[in-house]
Protein backbone atom coordinates (compact mmCIF):
# COMPACT_ATOMS: atom_id res chain seq x y z
CA MET A 1 79.89 100.04 66.30
CA GLU A 2 78.30 99.86 69.74
CA LYS A 3 78.17 96.06 69.79
CA MET A 4 81.64 95.62 68.25
CA PRO A 5 83.92 98.34 69.65
CA PHE A 6 86.42 98.64 66.83
CA VAL A 7 89.52 100.74 67.50
CA LEU A 8 90.95 101.06 63.98
CA GLY A 9 89.30 101.47 60.59
CA GLY A 10 90.09 102.46 57.05
CA ASN A 11 87.93 103.18 54.02
CA LEU A 12 89.43 102.70 50.56
CA GLN A 13 88.76 105.24 47.83
CA GLY A 14 90.18 106.15 44.44
CA GLY A 15 91.08 109.15 42.35
CA GLU A 16 94.17 110.21 44.31
CA LEU A 17 97.24 108.87 46.10
CA VAL A 18 97.06 110.07 49.70
CA VAL A 19 95.89 109.05 53.18
CA THR A 20 93.65 111.54 54.99
CA PHE A 21 92.84 111.66 58.69
CA PRO A 22 90.38 113.62 60.90
CA TYR A 23 89.08 116.08 61.25
CA ASP A 24 87.56 116.28 57.77
CA ARG A 25 85.44 119.33 58.53
CA THR A 26 87.03 122.73 59.08
CA ARG A 27 86.46 124.32 62.46
CA SER A 28 85.92 127.84 61.08
CA GLN A 29 82.61 128.37 59.34
CA GLY A 30 82.92 129.21 55.67
CA MET A 31 86.49 127.93 55.34
CA THR A 32 86.98 125.34 52.60
CA ARG A 33 90.50 124.48 53.76
CA GLU A 34 91.87 124.74 57.28
CA HIS A 35 94.17 122.53 59.32
CA THR A 36 91.81 121.01 61.88
CA PRO A 37 93.56 118.44 64.09
CA THR A 38 91.99 116.12 66.65
CA PRO A 39 93.34 115.77 70.21
CA ASP A 40 94.93 112.51 68.96
CA ASP A 41 96.60 114.15 65.97
CA HIS A 42 99.99 112.53 66.68
CA VAL A 43 98.40 109.07 66.57
CA PHE A 44 96.50 109.79 63.36
CA ARG A 45 99.64 111.10 61.71
CA TRP A 46 101.48 107.92 62.59
CA LEU A 47 98.64 105.70 61.37
CA ALA A 48 98.46 107.59 58.08
CA PHE A 49 102.22 107.43 57.60
CA SER A 50 102.28 103.70 58.36
CA TYR A 51 100.09 103.17 55.30
CA ALA A 52 101.54 105.77 52.96
CA SER A 53 105.20 104.93 53.64
CA THR A 54 104.70 101.25 52.79
CA HIS A 55 102.63 101.90 49.67
CA ARG A 56 104.54 101.41 46.44
CA LEU A 57 103.80 104.88 45.06
CA MET A 58 102.43 107.31 47.68
CA THR A 59 105.78 108.61 48.91
CA ASP A 60 107.70 108.15 45.63
CA ALA A 61 108.98 111.60 44.70
CA ASN A 62 109.38 110.50 41.07
CA ARG A 63 105.81 109.33 40.52
CA ARG A 64 103.43 111.33 38.38
CA VAL A 65 101.01 113.66 40.15
CA CYS A 66 97.42 112.41 39.94
CA HIS A 67 95.85 115.84 39.43
CA THR A 68 97.22 119.16 40.65
CA GLU A 69 98.56 118.46 44.15
CA ASP A 70 101.74 116.52 44.88
CA PHE A 71 101.00 114.74 48.14
CA ALA A 72 104.32 112.88 47.97
CA LYS A 73 105.89 116.10 49.31
CA GLU A 74 103.69 115.68 52.41
CA ASP A 75 104.79 112.05 52.94
CA GLY A 76 101.59 110.93 51.25
CA THR A 77 99.35 112.09 54.11
CA ILE A 78 97.22 115.12 54.91
CA ASN A 79 94.68 116.31 57.45
CA GLY A 80 91.31 115.96 55.73
CA ALA A 81 90.16 119.51 56.40
CA SER A 82 93.48 120.85 55.10
CA TRP A 83 92.66 119.26 51.74
CA HIS A 84 88.95 120.05 51.46
CA THR A 85 86.25 120.32 54.08
CA ALA A 86 83.70 117.51 54.31
CA ALA A 87 80.84 117.67 56.78
CA GLY A 88 79.55 114.48 58.36
CA SER A 89 82.32 112.15 57.25
CA MET A 90 82.56 108.63 58.63
CA ASN A 91 86.05 109.42 59.90
CA ASP A 92 84.81 112.31 62.03
CA PHE A 93 81.75 110.39 63.23
CA SER A 94 83.81 107.37 64.29
CA TYR A 95 86.22 109.52 66.26
CA LEU A 96 83.58 111.65 67.97
CA HIS A 97 81.04 108.94 68.79
CA THR A 98 82.97 105.65 69.06
CA ASN A 99 86.39 104.32 70.08
CA CYS A 100 87.39 103.85 66.44
CA PHE A 101 90.21 105.77 64.73
CA GLU A 102 89.25 105.76 61.05
CA LEU A 103 91.19 107.08 58.06
CA SER A 104 90.60 107.37 54.31
CA MET A 105 93.04 105.73 51.91
CA TYR A 106 92.97 107.05 48.35
CA VAL A 107 94.76 104.14 46.75
CA GLY A 108 95.15 105.14 43.10
CA CYS A 109 94.94 108.00 40.63
CA ASP A 110 92.25 106.22 38.61
CA LYS A 111 88.93 106.20 40.42
CA PHE A 112 87.64 103.35 38.25
CA PRO A 113 90.65 101.25 37.20
CA HIS A 114 90.25 98.70 34.43
CA GLU A 115 89.95 95.06 35.42
CA SER A 116 93.36 94.34 33.91
CA GLU A 117 94.98 96.85 36.29
CA LEU A 118 93.58 95.34 39.48
CA PRO A 119 96.47 92.86 40.10
CA GLU A 120 98.97 95.73 40.00
CA GLU A 121 96.79 97.88 42.25
CA TRP A 122 96.63 95.01 44.73
CA GLU A 123 100.43 94.75 44.81
CA ASN A 124 100.68 98.52 45.28
CA ASN A 125 98.52 98.32 48.41
CA ARG A 126 99.08 94.82 49.81
CA GLU A 127 101.94 95.62 52.19
CA SER A 128 100.28 98.87 53.28
CA LEU A 129 97.08 97.07 54.23
CA LEU A 130 98.97 94.52 56.31
CA VAL A 131 101.10 97.14 58.08
CA PHE A 132 98.04 99.28 58.78
CA MET A 133 96.19 96.37 60.36
CA GLU A 134 99.20 95.63 62.55
CA GLN A 135 98.89 99.08 64.11
CA VAL A 136 95.85 97.84 66.06
CA HIS A 137 98.33 96.30 68.50
CA ARG A 138 99.85 99.67 69.42
CA GLY A 139 98.93 101.40 72.64
CA ILE A 140 97.45 99.68 75.66
CA LYS A 141 94.73 97.10 76.17
CA GLY A 142 93.16 95.55 79.23
CA VAL A 143 90.08 94.28 81.01
CA VAL A 144 88.18 96.38 83.56
CA ARG A 145 86.60 94.34 86.38
CA ASP A 146 85.05 94.96 89.78
CA LEU A 147 86.02 93.18 93.02
CA GLN A 148 83.85 90.21 92.08
CA GLY A 149 85.62 89.84 88.77
CA ARG A 150 82.68 91.09 86.75
CA GLY A 151 83.30 93.30 83.74
CA ILE A 152 82.38 96.97 83.91
CA ALA A 153 81.00 98.23 80.63
CA ASN A 154 81.05 101.92 79.65
CA ALA A 155 83.81 102.80 82.09
CA ILE A 156 85.37 106.06 80.92
CA ILE A 157 89.11 105.99 80.24
CA SER A 158 90.91 109.32 80.03
CA VAL A 159 94.50 109.90 78.98
CA GLU A 160 96.25 112.84 80.60
CA GLY A 161 96.89 115.64 78.10
CA ILE A 162 94.45 114.29 75.46
CA GLY A 163 90.94 115.75 75.42
CA HIS A 164 89.26 112.67 74.03
CA ASP A 165 87.95 109.84 76.21
CA ILE A 166 87.08 106.27 75.28
CA ARG A 167 84.72 103.76 76.90
CA THR A 168 85.13 100.11 77.70
CA GLY A 169 83.17 97.66 75.57
CA LYS A 170 81.74 94.22 76.23
CA LEU A 171 83.56 90.99 75.49
CA LEU A 172 82.01 87.56 75.87
CA GLU A 173 84.61 85.05 77.05
CA SER A 174 83.93 81.55 78.38
CA ASP A 175 80.29 82.41 79.18
CA SER A 176 81.33 85.24 81.49
CA LEU A 177 80.98 88.91 80.66
CA HIS A 178 84.12 91.00 80.73
CA SER A 179 84.74 94.60 79.82
CA GLN A 180 87.60 95.20 77.47
CA SER A 181 89.23 98.43 76.41
CA GLN A 182 91.97 99.40 74.03
CA CYS A 183 93.58 102.77 73.52
CA LEU A 184 95.76 103.45 70.48
CA SER A 185 98.75 105.55 71.43
CA ARG A 186 102.38 106.30 70.65
CA PRO A 187 103.95 107.58 73.92
CA PRO A 188 106.06 105.07 75.91
CA ALA A 189 104.07 105.79 79.08
CA LEU A 190 100.58 107.09 79.76
CA ASN A 191 98.82 108.66 82.72
CA LEU A 192 95.35 107.15 82.79
CA THR A 193 92.23 107.95 84.76
CA ILE A 194 89.53 105.28 84.78
CA ASP A 195 86.04 106.25 85.91
CA CYS A 196 84.00 103.19 86.87
CA GLU A 197 80.42 104.17 87.66
CA SER A 198 81.39 107.53 89.14
CA SER A 199 84.16 105.98 91.24
CA ARG A 200 87.26 107.76 89.96
CA GLN A 201 90.50 105.83 90.14
CA SER A 202 93.75 107.61 90.90
CA MET A 203 96.25 108.17 88.12
CA LEU A 204 98.00 105.05 86.91
CA MET A 205 101.35 105.08 85.16
CA LEU A 206 101.26 102.24 82.64
CA LYS A 207 104.05 101.31 80.31
CA LYS A 208 102.95 99.73 77.04
CA LYS A 209 105.42 96.89 77.26
CA GLN A 210 104.02 95.84 80.63
CA LEU A 211 100.47 95.40 79.36
CA SER A 212 100.78 92.12 77.49
CA GLU A 213 98.37 90.57 80.01
CA PRO A 214 94.92 91.95 80.96
CA LYS A 215 95.03 94.21 84.04
CA GLN A 216 92.37 94.83 86.69
CA PHE A 217 91.83 98.56 86.90
CA CYS A 218 88.74 99.25 88.98
CA THR A 219 88.14 97.98 92.50
């Protein structure tokens, strides 16, 4: 994860029809269920809905309930800790220690489907997988360089109003080292602060549609 700074991830599981998103561990000690959102809760909710809403069954109000909970009433998504607390999940680790937003997709009621059912399960999830992967292009992306055009790795990027920073990674392009960053987001405009080796840049107002080309942030 340090060498390849992923920004979006999903792990596929079975036994239920729902998409869960961080945090997976409750904030209050001793609580087995408690809504525990991240600072990027609005982004996680959108990512989860992008998968669930394009799945053949997750949001179908007429489908059978897998066990006891009808997640279709919740648009096929739920905060992980609201369902059941899980300490040390990969979703929580990825969010807290990397740039990656990771979710869990429970793609079918049967945890161990028979081989004959796999083609149907693939069709149930095919469009959802494609739509989910497309979400990696949301938000902003760019390259952080110094005055000499050299990439600056580990520059801290902060978004105003969101208490969760990300860091630039390394990208090898044409034998020259650049520093690339990507920030998943939903708002049409973001106030960013970029800290390059303790040299704090003033706030930049960046519109997503204007960031189709890499931008030089730090000078």
